[in-house]
Amino acid sequence: MLESPYLETLQYRGSAMQHVCHDHFQLNALHDEILQRVVSIALRQVTDHSGPPPSPFTFFVMGSAGRLEQSVWSDQDHGIIYLDSSDENKSYFLQLGKEISKGLYQAGYRYCDGGVMASNPFWCKSLHEWEQELSKWIVESKWESIRYLLIFLDGRTMYGENTFLQKLKDHIYLNMNQHNLLAKSLSNTLHLKKGINVLGQLLVETHGVHAGKLNIKEIGLFPYVNAIRLLSMKEKLHETSSLFRLEKIPASYFLAGEKAFLKQQFIKLLNYRLLFSDHKDYDSGHYLTINKLTKEQIRELKDIIKNGAALFHNMKRLLEKDGSNEDE
């Protein structure tokens, strides 16, 4: 059997991961390094077979990779934007998308269950086709279309022409108010998984392979991520990381010292995930083993969860108030 050109990257990932797996920022820097290595190898593979890229292009990542919030294991969320529309270009960049996706899989990144990958024609389009697709999502405003828009706004250029993604995000923001996109995006993210019961106890999973563990992704991270993303949309920001978005959101939205406090809370939450999940695989990395925590840590974790829920509800009130003012 021929040796995979991505095997060395997988081995590097395994050895380097040991040194960064308890530091959120170093860990995400490693993920970026591996992604860029894989894209470079994939580009060489496709160039050897089909020639160099026939048009300027962008390879971008979304999801937790786009937000620089990956855990030890991560799945794939990515797309391609290329400049010139043609059947030949579509064929070339879809081939590149498939090679990148295969390379990432062989380097330890599982395929996206929802197919959000540049190997899927839905996520591999010319700049003009992307503009048309985004316009369609904005106008039809179905639940799924809004979800796609929110995924896209987390997009971060990993390789290639950075301005393509900026142009497309500006296209969304230009049409946002006319189509009441903020209110629709809020409705799309309203369901919060409850994390603390009326007795003040953490609500762990009651059955399945993660029974007895806390779903930190949905209970802890989502309220922060969704609230900060919606405020970022309101301000038409291009940042993708929740922490960078928080930095750029005007201080007028927060009480004195609240921004710094929320940033600290979010970083603590990311560190809890790294330190107290078992990280056997992608799914297990989203669940905290509660019995590993001290009473003090459980108390702190409850506070972080409560503060995330409060942030989300404050953001909801703010957007609803602004929406009602616009209607007057």
C-alpha atoms as a PDB file:
ATOM      1  CA  MET A   1       0.000   0.000   0.000  1.00  0.00           C
ATOM      2  CA  LEU A   2       1.282   3.485  -0.883  1.00  0.00           C
ATOM      3  CA  GLU A   3       2.156   5.693   2.074  1.00  0.00           C
ATOM      4  CA  SER A   4      -0.133   8.668   2.564  1.00  0.00           C
ATOM      5  CA  PRO A   5       1.517  12.080   2.037  1.00  0.00           C
ATOM      6  CA  TYR A   6      -0.375  13.162   5.185  1.00  0.00           C
ATOM      7  CA  LEU A   7       1.076  10.472   7.481  1.00  0.00           C
ATOM      8  CA  GLU A   8       3.945  12.687   8.629  1.00  0.00           C
ATOM      9  CA  THR A   9       1.426  15.419   9.553  1.00  0.00           C
ATOM     10  CA  LEU A  10      -0.611  12.915  11.589  1.00  0.00           C
ATOM     11  CA  GLN A  11       2.534  11.824  13.438  1.00  0.00           C
ATOM     12  CA  TYR A  12       3.540  15.442  14.056  1.00  0.00           C
ATOM     13  CA  ARG A  13       0.037  16.173  15.392  1.00  0.00           C
ATOM     14  CA  GLY A  14       0.320  13.252  17.829  1.00  0.00           C
ATOM     15  CA  SER A  15       3.690  14.308  19.246  1.00  0.00           C
ATOM     16  CA  ALA A  16       2.981  18.066  19.349  1.00  0.00           C
ATOM     17  CA  MET A  17      -0.457  17.578  20.939  1.00  0.00           C
ATOM     18  CA  GLN A  18       1.105  16.254  24.146  1.00  0.00           C
ATOM     19  CA  HIS A  19       2.762  19.628  24.756  1.00  0.00           C
ATOM     20  CA  VAL A  20      -0.261  21.872  24.075  1.00  0.00           C
ATOM     21  CA  CYS A  21      -3.334  19.870  25.096  1.00  0.00           C
ATOM     22  CA  HIS A  22      -3.771  21.794  28.363  1.00  0.00           C
ATOM     23  CA  ASP A  23      -3.373  25.280  26.894  1.00  0.00           C
ATOM     24  CA  HIS A  24      -6.291  26.568  24.821  1.00  0.00           C
ATOM     25  CA  PHE A  25      -4.306  29.151  22.832  1.00  0.00           C
ATOM     26  CA  GLN A  26      -1.323  26.907  22.039  1.00  0.00           C
ATOM     27  CA  LEU A  27      -3.718  24.101  21.107  1.00  0.00           C
ATOM     28  CA  ASN A  28      -5.569  26.226  18.554  1.00  0.00           C
ATOM     29  CA  ALA A  29      -2.289  27.544  17.142  1.00  0.00           C
ATOM     30  CA  LEU A  30      -1.305  23.893  16.579  1.00  0.00           C
ATOM     31  CA  HIS A  31      -4.605  23.140  14.831  1.00  0.00           C
ATOM     32  CA  ASP A  32      -3.996  26.120  12.513  1.00  0.00           C
ATOM     33  CA  GLU A  33      -0.472  24.913  11.763  1.00  0.00           C
ATOM     34  CA  ILE A  34      -1.742  21.425  10.884  1.00  0.00           C
ATOM     35  CA  LEU A  35      -4.553  22.806   8.710  1.00  0.00           C
ATOM     36  CA  GLN A  36      -2.084  24.920   6.756  1.00  0.00           C
ATOM     37  CA  ARG A  37       0.294  21.963   6.349  1.00  0.00           C
ATOM     38  CA  VAL A  38      -2.534  19.809   4.993  1.00  0.00           C
ATOM     39  CA  VAL A  39      -3.728  22.494   2.552  1.00  0.00           C
ATOM     40  CA  SER A  40      -0.158  22.965   1.257  1.00  0.00           C
ATOM     41  CA  ILE A  41       0.259  19.215   0.692  1.00  0.00           C
ATOM     42  CA  ALA A  42      -3.191  18.942  -0.934  1.00  0.00           C
ATOM     43  CA  LEU A  43      -2.390  21.847  -3.250  1.00  0.00           C
ATOM     44  CA  ARG A  44       0.851  20.156  -4.308  1.00  0.00           C
ATOM     45  CA  GLN A  45      -0.995  16.885  -4.956  1.00  0.00           C
ATOM     46  CA  VAL A  46      -3.646  18.564  -7.124  1.00  0.00           C
ATOM     47  CA  THR A  47      -1.082  20.760  -8.906  1.00  0.00           C
ATOM     48  CA  ASP A  48       0.973  17.678  -9.812  1.00  0.00           C
ATOM     49  CA  HIS A  49      -2.145  16.035 -11.244  1.00  0.00           C
ATOM     50  CA  SER A  50      -4.119  18.943 -12.731  1.00  0.00           C
ATOM     51  CA  GLY A  51      -1.824  21.963 -12.828  1.00  0.00           C
ATOM     52  CA  PRO A  52      -1.745  25.091 -10.632  1.00  0.00           C
ATOM     53  CA  PRO A  53      -4.950  26.807  -9.418  1.00  0.00           C
ATOM     54  CA  PRO A  54      -6.643  28.425 -12.458  1.00  0.00           C
ATOM     55  CA  SER A  55      -8.025  31.316 -10.396  1.00  0.00           C
ATOM     56  CA  PRO A  56      -7.332  33.153  -7.124  1.00  0.00           C
ATOM     57  CA  PHE A  57      -9.146  31.368  -4.289  1.00  0.00           C
ATOM     58  CA  THR A  58      -9.743  31.209  -0.555  1.00  0.00           C
ATOM     59  CA  PHE A  59      -9.853  28.123   1.619  1.00  0.00           C
ATOM     60  CA  PHE A  60     -11.692  29.027   4.830  1.00  0.00           C
ATOM     61  CA  VAL A  61     -12.659  27.246   8.038  1.00  0.00           C
ATOM     62  CA  MET A  62     -15.884  27.602  10.035  1.00  0.00           C
ATOM     63  CA  GLY A  63     -17.318  26.220  13.264  1.00  0.00           C
ATOM     64  CA  SER A  64     -14.968  25.927  16.228  1.00  0.00           C
ATOM     65  CA  ALA A  65     -11.954  26.168  13.859  1.00  0.00           C
ATOM     66  CA  GLY A  66     -13.270  29.455  12.485  1.00  0.00           C
ATOM     67  CA  ARG A  67     -13.741  30.770  16.036  1.00  0.00           C
ATOM     68  CA  LEU A  68     -10.344  29.438  17.253  1.00  0.00           C
ATOM     69  CA  GLU A  69     -12.208  27.370  19.845  1.00  0.00           C
ATOM     70  CA  GLN A  70     -11.238  23.797  18.971  1.00  0.00           C
ATOM     71  CA  SER A  71     -10.671  21.155  21.596  1.00  0.00           C
ATOM     72  CA  VAL A  72      -8.136  18.312  21.381  1.00  0.00           C
ATOM     73  CA  TRP A  73     -10.156  16.537  18.697  1.00  0.00           C
ATOM     74  CA  SER A  74     -11.980  18.459  16.000  1.00  0.00           C
ATOM     75  CA  ASP A  75     -14.136  17.684  12.999  1.00  0.00           C
ATOM     76  CA  GLN A  76     -13.992  19.437   9.629  1.00  0.00           C
ATOM     77  CA  ASP A  77     -15.947  22.618   8.783  1.00  0.00           C
ATOM     78  CA  HIS A  78     -14.595  24.395   5.717  1.00  0.00           C
ATOM     79  CA  GLY A  79     -15.275  25.804   2.269  1.00  0.00           C
ATOM     80  CA  ILE A  80     -13.698  27.299  -0.853  1.00  0.00           C
ATOM     81  CA  ILE A  81     -14.362  30.593  -2.670  1.00  0.00           C
ATOM     82  CA  TYR A  82     -12.741  31.046  -6.095  1.00  0.00           C
ATOM     83  CA  LEU A  83     -12.827  34.160  -8.246  1.00  0.00           C
ATOM     84  CA  ASP A  84     -13.656  33.123 -11.803  1.00  0.00           C
ATOM     85  CA  SER A  85     -16.820  31.151 -12.564  1.00  0.00           C
ATOM     86  CA  SER A  86     -16.424  28.342 -15.092  1.00  0.00           C
ATOM     87  CA  ASP A  87     -17.102  24.608 -15.279  1.00  0.00           C
ATOM     88  CA  GLU A  88     -13.350  23.961 -15.427  1.00  0.00           C
ATOM     89  CA  ASN A  89     -12.742  26.008 -12.283  1.00  0.00           C
ATOM     90  CA  LYS A  90     -15.629  24.341 -10.482  1.00  0.00           C
ATOM     91  CA  SER A  91     -14.160  20.935 -11.309  1.00  0.00           C
ATOM     92  CA  TYR A  92     -10.632  21.972 -10.241  1.00  0.00           C
ATOM     93  CA  PHE A  93     -11.574  23.481  -6.883  1.00  0.00           C
ATOM     94  CA  LEU A  94     -13.956  20.650  -6.048  1.00  0.00           C
ATOM     95  CA  GLN A  95     -11.042  18.285  -6.672  1.00  0.00           C
ATOM     96  CA  LEU A  96      -8.907  20.441  -4.342  1.00  0.00           C
ATOM     97  CA  GLY A  97     -11.677  20.463  -1.733  1.00  0.00           C
ATOM     98  CA  LYS A  98     -11.877  16.669  -1.839  1.00  0.00           C
ATOM     99  CA  GLU A  99      -8.093  16.352  -1.513  1.00  0.00           C
ATOM    100  CA  ILE A 100      -8.006  18.748   1.478  1.00  0.00           C
ATOM    101  CA  SER A 101     -10.878  16.922   3.154  1.00  0.00           C
ATOM    102  CA  LYS A 102      -9.208  13.530   2.612  1.00  0.00           C
ATOM    103  CA  GLY A 103      -5.905  14.961   3.894  1.00  0.00           C
ATOM    104  CA  LEU A 104      -7.485  16.374   7.039  1.00  0.00           C
ATOM    105  CA  TYR A 105      -9.195  13.048   7.697  1.00  0.00           C
ATOM    106  CA  GLN A 106      -5.887  11.218   7.356  1.00  0.00           C
ATOM    107  CA  ALA A 107      -4.265  13.811   9.661  1.00  0.00           C
ATOM    108  CA  GLY A 108      -6.804  13.105  12.427  1.00  0.00           C
ATOM    109  CA  TYR A 109      -9.815  15.357  11.694  1.00  0.00           C
ATOM    110  CA  ARG A 110     -13.051  13.477  11.232  1.00  0.00           C
ATOM    111  CA  TYR A 111     -15.449  14.327   8.404  1.00  0.00           C
ATOM    112  CA  CYS A 112     -18.276  16.752   9.212  1.00  0.00           C
ATOM    113  CA  ASP A 113     -21.536  14.867   9.788  1.00  0.00           C
ATOM    114  CA  GLY A 114     -23.471  17.695   8.113  1.00  0.00           C
ATOM    115  CA  GLY A 115     -21.227  17.771   5.048  1.00  0.00           C
ATOM    116  CA  VAL A 116     -19.939  21.312   5.694  1.00  0.00           C
ATOM    117  CA  MET A 117     -16.751  20.716   3.716  1.00  0.00           C
ATOM    118  CA  ALA A 118     -15.120  22.048   0.551  1.00  0.00           C
ATOM    119  CA  SER A 119     -15.473  18.533  -0.923  1.00  0.00           C
ATOM    120  CA  ASN A 120     -19.233  19.257  -1.107  1.00  0.00           C
ATOM    121  CA  PRO A 121     -20.272  21.474  -4.107  1.00  0.00           C
ATOM    122  CA  PHE A 122     -22.622  23.296  -1.696  1.00  0.00           C
ATOM    123  CA  TRP A 123     -19.576  24.732   0.130  1.00  0.00           C
ATOM    124  CA  CYS A 124     -17.274  25.134  -2.889  1.00  0.00           C
ATOM    125  CA  LYS A 125     -18.387  28.014  -5.111  1.00  0.00           C
ATOM    126  CA  SER A 126     -17.202  30.999  -7.123  1.00  0.00           C
ATOM    127  CA  LEU A 127     -17.427  34.451  -5.530  1.00  0.00           C
ATOM    128  CA  HIS A 128     -20.468  35.296  -7.675  1.00  0.00           C
ATOM    129  CA  GLU A 129     -22.183  31.994  -6.844  1.00  0.00           C
ATOM    130  CA  TRP A 130     -21.525  32.608  -3.152  1.00  0.00           C
ATOM    131  CA  GLU A 131     -23.130  36.066  -3.385  1.00  0.00           C
ATOM    132  CA  GLN A 132     -26.200  34.513  -4.993  1.00  0.00           C
ATOM    133  CA  GLU A 133     -26.339  31.745  -2.383  1.00  0.00           C
ATOM    134  CA  LEU A 134     -26.031  34.172   0.530  1.00  0.00           C
ATOM    135  CA  SER A 135     -28.751  36.400  -0.968  1.00  0.00           C
ATOM    136  CA  LYS A 136     -31.008  33.362  -1.251  1.00  0.00           C
ATOM    137  CA  TRP A 137     -30.399  32.391   2.389  1.00  0.00           C
ATOM    138  CA  ILE A 138     -31.096  35.951   3.524  1.00  0.00           C
ATOM    139  CA  VAL A 139     -34.323  36.331   1.509  1.00  0.00           C
ATOM    140  CA  GLU A 140     -35.851  32.922   2.246  1.00  0.00           C
ATOM    141  CA  SER A 141     -34.800  33.081   5.932  1.00  0.00           C
ATOM    142  CA  LYS A 142     -35.738  29.475   6.701  1.00  0.00           C
ATOM    143  CA  TRP A 143     -34.395  28.001   9.935  1.00  0.00           C
ATOM    144  CA  GLU A 144     -31.757  26.052   7.979  1.00  0.00           C
ATOM    145  CA  SER A 145     -30.801  29.093   5.852  1.00  0.00           C
ATOM    146  CA  ILE A 146     -30.245  31.224   8.959  1.00  0.00           C
ATOM    147  CA  ARG A 147     -28.160  28.412  10.466  1.00  0.00           C
ATOM    148  CA  TYR A 148     -26.005  28.393   7.327  1.00  0.00           C
ATOM    149  CA  LEU A 149     -25.551  32.166   7.544  1.00  0.00           C
ATOM    150  CA  LEU A 150     -24.429  31.913  11.180  1.00  0.00           C
ATOM    151  CA  ILE A 151     -21.994  29.124  10.241  1.00  0.00           C
ATOM    152  CA  PHE A 152     -20.670  31.258   7.374  1.00  0.00           C
ATOM    153  CA  LEU A 153     -20.147  34.315   9.611  1.00  0.00           C
ATOM    154  CA  ASP A 154     -17.749  32.208  11.709  1.00  0.00           C
ATOM    155  CA  GLY A 155     -15.674  31.699   8.543  1.00  0.00           C
ATOM    156  CA  ARG A 156     -11.952  32.536   8.788  1.00  0.00           C
ATOM    157  CA  THR A 157      -9.490  32.520   5.884  1.00  0.00           C
ATOM    158  CA  MET A 158      -6.886  29.798   6.316  1.00  0.00           C
ATOM    159  CA  TYR A 159      -5.221  29.938   2.910  1.00  0.00           C
ATOM    160  CA  GLY A 160      -5.405  32.243  -0.083  1.00  0.00           C
ATOM    161  CA  GLU A 161      -7.149  35.528  -0.867  1.00  0.00           C
ATOM    162  CA  ASN A 162      -8.453  37.093   2.356  1.00  0.00           C
ATOM    163  CA  THR A 163     -10.679  39.745   0.727  1.00  0.00           C
ATOM    164  CA  PHE A 164     -13.194  37.238  -0.703  1.00  0.00           C
ATOM    165  CA  LEU A 165     -14.551  36.308   2.708  1.00  0.00           C
ATOM    166  CA  GLN A 166     -14.631  39.964   3.786  1.00  0.00           C
ATOM    167  CA  LYS A 167     -16.648  40.895   0.672  1.00  0.00           C
ATOM    168  CA  LEU A 168     -19.172  38.156   1.285  1.00  0.00           C
ATOM    169  CA  LYS A 169     -19.613  39.061   4.955  1.00  0.00           C
ATOM    170  CA  ASP A 170     -20.126  42.695   3.913  1.00  0.00           C
ATOM    171  CA  HIS A 171     -22.776  41.429   1.495  1.00  0.00           C
ATOM    172  CA  ILE A 172     -24.602  39.794   4.437  1.00  0.00           C
ATOM    173  CA  TYR A 173     -24.306  42.924   6.593  1.00  0.00           C
ATOM    174  CA  LEU A 174     -25.484  45.175   3.768  1.00  0.00           C
ATOM    175  CA  ASN A 175     -28.743  43.206   3.541  1.00  0.00           C
ATOM    176  CA  MET A 176     -29.099  42.442   7.239  1.00  0.00           C
ATOM    177  CA  ASN A 177     -31.430  45.239   8.367  1.00  0.00           C
ATOM    178  CA  GLN A 178     -33.722  45.084   5.344  1.00  0.00           C
ATOM    179  CA  HIS A 179     -34.456  41.414   6.010  1.00  0.00           C
ATOM    180  CA  ASN A 180     -34.560  41.622   9.820  1.00  0.00           C
ATOM    181  CA  LEU A 181     -31.711  39.137  10.002  1.00  0.00           C
ATOM    182  CA  LEU A 182     -30.749  39.811  13.616  1.00  0.00           C
ATOM    183  CA  ALA A 183     -34.213  38.947  14.947  1.00  0.00           C
ATOM    184  CA  LYS A 184     -34.322  35.799  12.804  1.00  0.00           C
ATOM    185  CA  SER A 185     -30.829  34.797  13.954  1.00  0.00           C
ATOM    186  CA  LEU A 186     -31.895  35.305  17.569  1.00  0.00           C
ATOM    187  CA  SER A 187     -34.913  33.012  17.032  1.00  0.00           C
ATOM    188  CA  ASN A 188     -32.559  30.412  15.551  1.00  0.00           C
ATOM    189  CA  THR A 189     -30.425  30.315  18.718  1.00  0.00           C
ATOM    190  CA  LEU A 190     -33.102  30.696  21.417  1.00  0.00           C
ATOM    191  CA  HIS A 191     -33.075  27.118  22.662  1.00  0.00           C
ATOM    192  CA  LEU A 192     -30.599  26.818  25.517  1.00  0.00           C
ATOM    193  CA  LYS A 193     -29.924  23.441  27.124  1.00  0.00           C
ATOM    194  CA  LYS A 194     -30.533  23.886  30.830  1.00  0.00           C
ATOM    195  CA  GLY A 195     -27.467  23.199  32.956  1.00  0.00           C
ATOM    196  CA  ILE A 196     -28.614  23.770  36.544  1.00  0.00           C
ATOM    197  CA  ASN A 197     -31.840  22.543  38.152  1.00  0.00           C
ATOM    198  CA  VAL A 198     -34.063  24.315  40.712  1.00  0.00           C
ATOM    199  CA  LEU A 199     -32.032  22.797  43.539  1.00  0.00           C
ATOM    200  CA  GLY A 200     -28.856  24.342  42.123  1.00  0.00           C
ATOM    201  CA  GLN A 201     -27.410  21.021  40.947  1.00  0.00           C
ATOM    202  CA  LEU A 202     -25.617  20.505  37.621  1.00  0.00           C
ATOM    203  CA  LEU A 203     -27.776  18.647  35.110  1.00  0.00           C
ATOM    204  CA  VAL A 204     -25.677  15.791  33.771  1.00  0.00           C
ATOM    205  CA  GLU A 205     -26.591  13.320  31.024  1.00  0.00           C
ATOM    206  CA  THR A 206     -28.936  10.645  32.370  1.00  0.00           C
ATOM    207  CA  HIS A 207     -28.346   7.906  29.802  1.00  0.00           C
ATOM    208  CA  GLY A 208     -26.090   6.841  26.947  1.00  0.00           C
ATOM    209  CA  VAL A 209     -22.297   6.642  26.775  1.00  0.00           C
ATOM    210  CA  HIS A 210     -21.914  10.050  28.468  1.00  0.00           C
ATOM    211  CA  ALA A 211     -24.255   9.327  31.395  1.00  0.00           C
ATOM    212  CA  GLY A 212     -23.172  11.205  34.506  1.00  0.00           C
ATOM    213  CA  LYS A 213     -21.219  13.785  32.505  1.00  0.00           C
ATOM    214  CA  LEU A 214     -22.004  17.426  31.757  1.00  0.00           C
ATOM    215  CA  ASN A 215     -22.481  18.541  28.137  1.00  0.00           C
ATOM    216  CA  ILE A 216     -20.167  21.555  28.368  1.00  0.00           C
ATOM    217  CA  LYS A 217     -20.512  22.384  24.661  1.00  0.00           C
ATOM    218  CA  GLU A 218     -24.268  23.002  24.735  1.00  0.00           C
ATOM    219  CA  ILE A 219     -24.696  24.036  28.374  1.00  0.00           C
ATOM    220  CA  GLY A 220     -21.522  26.073  28.869  1.00  0.00           C
ATOM    221  CA  LEU A 221     -20.084  27.298  25.564  1.00  0.00           C
ATOM    222  CA  PHE A 222     -23.148  27.857  23.353  1.00  0.00           C
ATOM    223  CA  PRO A 223     -24.727  30.674  25.430  1.00  0.00           C
ATOM    224  CA  TYR A 224     -21.465  32.670  25.311  1.00  0.00           C
ATOM    225  CA  VAL A 225     -20.734  31.887  21.633  1.00  0.00           C
ATOM    226  CA  ASN A 226     -24.266  32.669  20.411  1.00  0.00           C
ATOM    227  CA  ALA A 227     -24.696  35.844  22.463  1.00  0.00           C
ATOM    228  CA  ILE A 228     -21.321  37.248  21.415  1.00  0.00           C
ATOM    229  CA  ARG A 229     -21.888  36.304  17.748  1.00  0.00           C
ATOM    230  CA  LEU A 230     -25.251  38.129  17.669  1.00  0.00           C
ATOM    231  CA  LEU A 231     -23.783  41.272  19.237  1.00  0.00           C
ATOM    232  CA  SER A 232     -20.926  41.008  16.739  1.00  0.00           C
ATOM    233  CA  MET A 233     -23.465  40.822  13.892  1.00  0.00           C
ATOM    234  CA  LYS A 234     -25.251  43.876  15.235  1.00  0.00           C
ATOM    235  CA  GLU A 235     -21.946  45.759  15.045  1.00  0.00           C
ATOM    236  CA  LYS A 236     -21.095  44.218  11.616  1.00  0.00           C
ATOM    237  CA  LEU A 237     -17.752  42.897  12.872  1.00  0.00           C
ATOM    238  CA  HIS A 238     -15.456  40.630  10.837  1.00  0.00           C
ATOM    239  CA  GLU A 239     -13.788  38.948  13.834  1.00  0.00           C
ATOM    240  CA  THR A 240     -14.645  35.266  14.287  1.00  0.00           C
ATOM    241  CA  SER A 241     -13.181  34.281  17.665  1.00  0.00           C
ATOM    242  CA  SER A 242     -15.617  34.895  20.539  1.00  0.00           C
ATOM    243  CA  LEU A 243     -12.781  36.501  22.509  1.00  0.00           C
ATOM    244  CA  PHE A 244     -11.781  38.824  19.630  1.00  0.00           C
ATOM    245  CA  ARG A 245     -15.443  39.688  19.008  1.00  0.00           C
ATOM    246  CA  LEU A 246     -15.870  40.523  22.676  1.00  0.00           C
ATOM    247  CA  GLU A 247     -12.858  42.856  22.476  1.00  0.00           C
ATOM    248  CA  LYS A 248     -14.408  44.764  19.545  1.00  0.00           C
ATOM    249  CA  ILE A 249     -18.006  44.989  20.809  1.00  0.00           C
ATOM    250  CA  PRO A 250     -18.545  48.543  22.170  1.00  0.00           C
ATOM    251  CA  ALA A 251     -18.187  48.908  25.941  1.00  0.00           C
ATOM    252  CA  SER A 252     -21.587  50.654  25.996  1.00  0.00           C
ATOM    253  CA  TYR A 253     -23.257  47.222  25.886  1.00  0.00           C
ATOM    254  CA  PHE A 254     -21.674  46.180  29.184  1.00  0.00           C
ATOM    255  CA  LEU A 255     -21.414  47.363  32.756  1.00  0.00           C
ATOM    256  CA  ALA A 256     -18.016  48.639  33.920  1.00  0.00           C
ATOM    257  CA  GLY A 257     -15.519  45.774  34.030  1.00  0.00           C
ATOM    258  CA  GLU A 258     -18.052  43.288  32.624  1.00  0.00           C
ATOM    259  CA  LYS A 259     -16.241  42.702  29.329  1.00  0.00           C
ATOM    260  CA  ALA A 260     -13.003  41.707  31.056  1.00  0.00           C
ATOM    261  CA  PHE A 261     -14.983  39.502  33.458  1.00  0.00           C
ATOM    262  CA  LEU A 262     -16.846  37.707  30.623  1.00  0.00           C
ATOM    263  CA  LYS A 263     -13.594  37.150  28.751  1.00  0.00           C
ATOM    264  CA  GLN A 264     -12.095  35.577  31.887  1.00  0.00           C
ATOM    265  CA  GLN A 265     -15.198  33.400  32.362  1.00  0.00           C
ATOM    266  CA  PHE A 266     -15.092  32.134  28.775  1.00  0.00           C
ATOM    267  CA  ILE A 267     -11.384  31.277  28.962  1.00  0.00           C
ATOM    268  CA  LYS A 268     -11.985  29.403  32.237  1.00  0.00           C
ATOM    269  CA  LEU A 269     -14.775  27.453  30.536  1.00  0.00           C
ATOM    270  CA  LEU A 270     -12.499  26.477  27.630  1.00  0.00           C
ATOM    271  CA  ASN A 271      -9.859  25.351  30.137  1.00  0.00           C
ATOM    272  CA  TYR A 272     -12.381  23.285  32.111  1.00  0.00           C
ATOM    273  CA  ARG A 273     -13.186  21.472  28.864  1.00  0.00           C
ATOM    274  CA  LEU A 274      -9.492  20.745  28.237  1.00  0.00           C
ATOM    275  CA  LEU A 275      -8.710  19.649  31.788  1.00  0.00           C
ATOM    276  CA  PHE A 276     -11.781  17.592  32.705  1.00  0.00           C
ATOM    277  CA  SER A 277     -12.974  15.886  29.516  1.00  0.00           C
ATOM    278  CA  ASP A 278     -11.333  12.569  28.715  1.00  0.00           C
ATOM    279  CA  HIS A 279     -10.709  13.421  25.007  1.00  0.00           C
ATOM    280  CA  LYS A 280     -10.802   9.798  23.861  1.00  0.00           C
ATOM    281  CA  ASP A 281     -12.495  11.006  20.685  1.00  0.00           C
ATOM    282  CA  TYR A 282     -14.334  14.008  19.234  1.00  0.00           C
ATOM    283  CA  ASP A 283     -17.619  13.459  21.111  1.00  0.00           C
ATOM    284  CA  SER A 284     -16.109  12.725  24.529  1.00  0.00           C
ATOM    285  CA  GLY A 285     -14.253  16.051  24.395  1.00  0.00           C
ATOM    286  CA  HIS A 286     -17.575  17.880  24.819  1.00  0.00           C
ATOM    287  CA  TYR A 287     -18.463  16.216  28.141  1.00  0.00           C
ATOM    288  CA  LEU A 288     -17.030  17.017  31.562  1.00  0.00           C
ATOM    289  CA  THR A 289     -16.361  14.254  34.047  1.00  0.00           C
ATOM    290  CA  ILE A 290     -17.953  15.947  37.038  1.00  0.00           C
ATOM    291  CA  ASN A 291     -16.587  13.558  39.671  1.00  0.00           C
ATOM    292  CA  LYS A 292     -13.061  14.750  38.808  1.00  0.00           C
ATOM    293  CA  LEU A 293     -13.967  18.258  40.050  1.00  0.00           C
ATOM    294  CA  THR A 294     -13.540  19.560  43.603  1.00  0.00           C
ATOM    295  CA  LYS A 295     -16.477  21.241  45.371  1.00  0.00           C
ATOM    296  CA  GLU A 296     -14.865  24.608  44.702  1.00  0.00           C
ATOM    297  CA  GLN A 297     -14.477  23.842  41.007  1.00  0.00           C
ATOM    298  CA  ILE A 298     -18.116  22.714  40.771  1.00  0.00           C
ATOM    299  CA  ARG A 299     -19.167  25.965  42.445  1.00  0.00           C
ATOM    300  CA  GLU A 300     -17.046  27.974  39.984  1.00  0.00           C
ATOM    301  CA  LEU A 301     -18.370  26.026  36.998  1.00  0.00           C
ATOM    302  CA  LYS A 302     -21.971  26.712  38.074  1.00  0.00           C
ATOM    303  CA  ASP A 303     -21.184  30.434  38.272  1.00  0.00           C
ATOM    304  CA  ILE A 304     -19.622  30.405  34.789  1.00  0.00           C
ATOM    305  CA  ILE A 305     -22.712  28.638  33.378  1.00  0.00           C
ATOM    306  CA  LYS A 306     -25.059  31.103  35.134  1.00  0.00           C
ATOM    307  CA  ASN A 307     -23.049  34.070  33.808  1.00  0.00           C
ATOM    308  CA  GLY A 308     -23.256  32.687  30.259  1.00  0.00           C
ATOM    309  CA  ALA A 309     -27.020  32.295  30.522  1.00  0.00           C
ATOM    310  CA  ALA A 310     -27.299  35.840  31.938  1.00  0.00           C
ATOM    311  CA  LEU A 311     -25.204  37.203  29.041  1.00  0.00           C
ATOM    312  CA  PHE A 312     -27.484  35.475  26.544  1.00  0.00           C
ATOM    313  CA  HIS A 313     -30.685  36.766  28.163  1.00  0.00           C
ATOM    314  CA  ASN A 314     -29.285  40.320  28.406  1.00  0.00           C
ATOM    315  CA  MET A 315     -28.337  40.172  24.712  1.00  0.00           C
ATOM    316  CA  LYS A 316     -31.838  38.880  23.875  1.00  0.00           C
ATOM    317  CA  ARG A 317     -33.489  41.776  25.756  1.00  0.00           C
ATOM    318  CA  LEU A 318     -31.195  44.277  24.038  1.00  0.00           C
ATOM    319  CA  LEU A 319     -31.916  42.976  20.523  1.00  0.00           C
ATOM    320  CA  GLU A 320     -35.662  42.743  21.184  1.00  0.00           C
ATOM    321  CA  LYS A 321     -35.671  46.316  22.540  1.00  0.00           C
ATOM    322  CA  ASP A 322     -33.765  47.600  19.497  1.00  0.00           C
ATOM    323  CA  GLY A 323     -36.096  45.673  17.202  1.00  0.00           C
ATOM    324  CA  SER A 324     -39.185  47.214  18.798  1.00  0.00           C
ATOM    325  CA  ASN A 325     -37.650  50.693  18.535  1.00  0.00           C
ATOM    326  CA  GLU A 326     -37.048  50.149  14.808  1.00  0.00           C
ATOM    327  CA  ASP A 327     -40.712  49.190  14.356  1.00  0.00           C
ATOM    328  CA  GLU A 328     -41.960  52.472  15.839  1.00  0.00           C
END
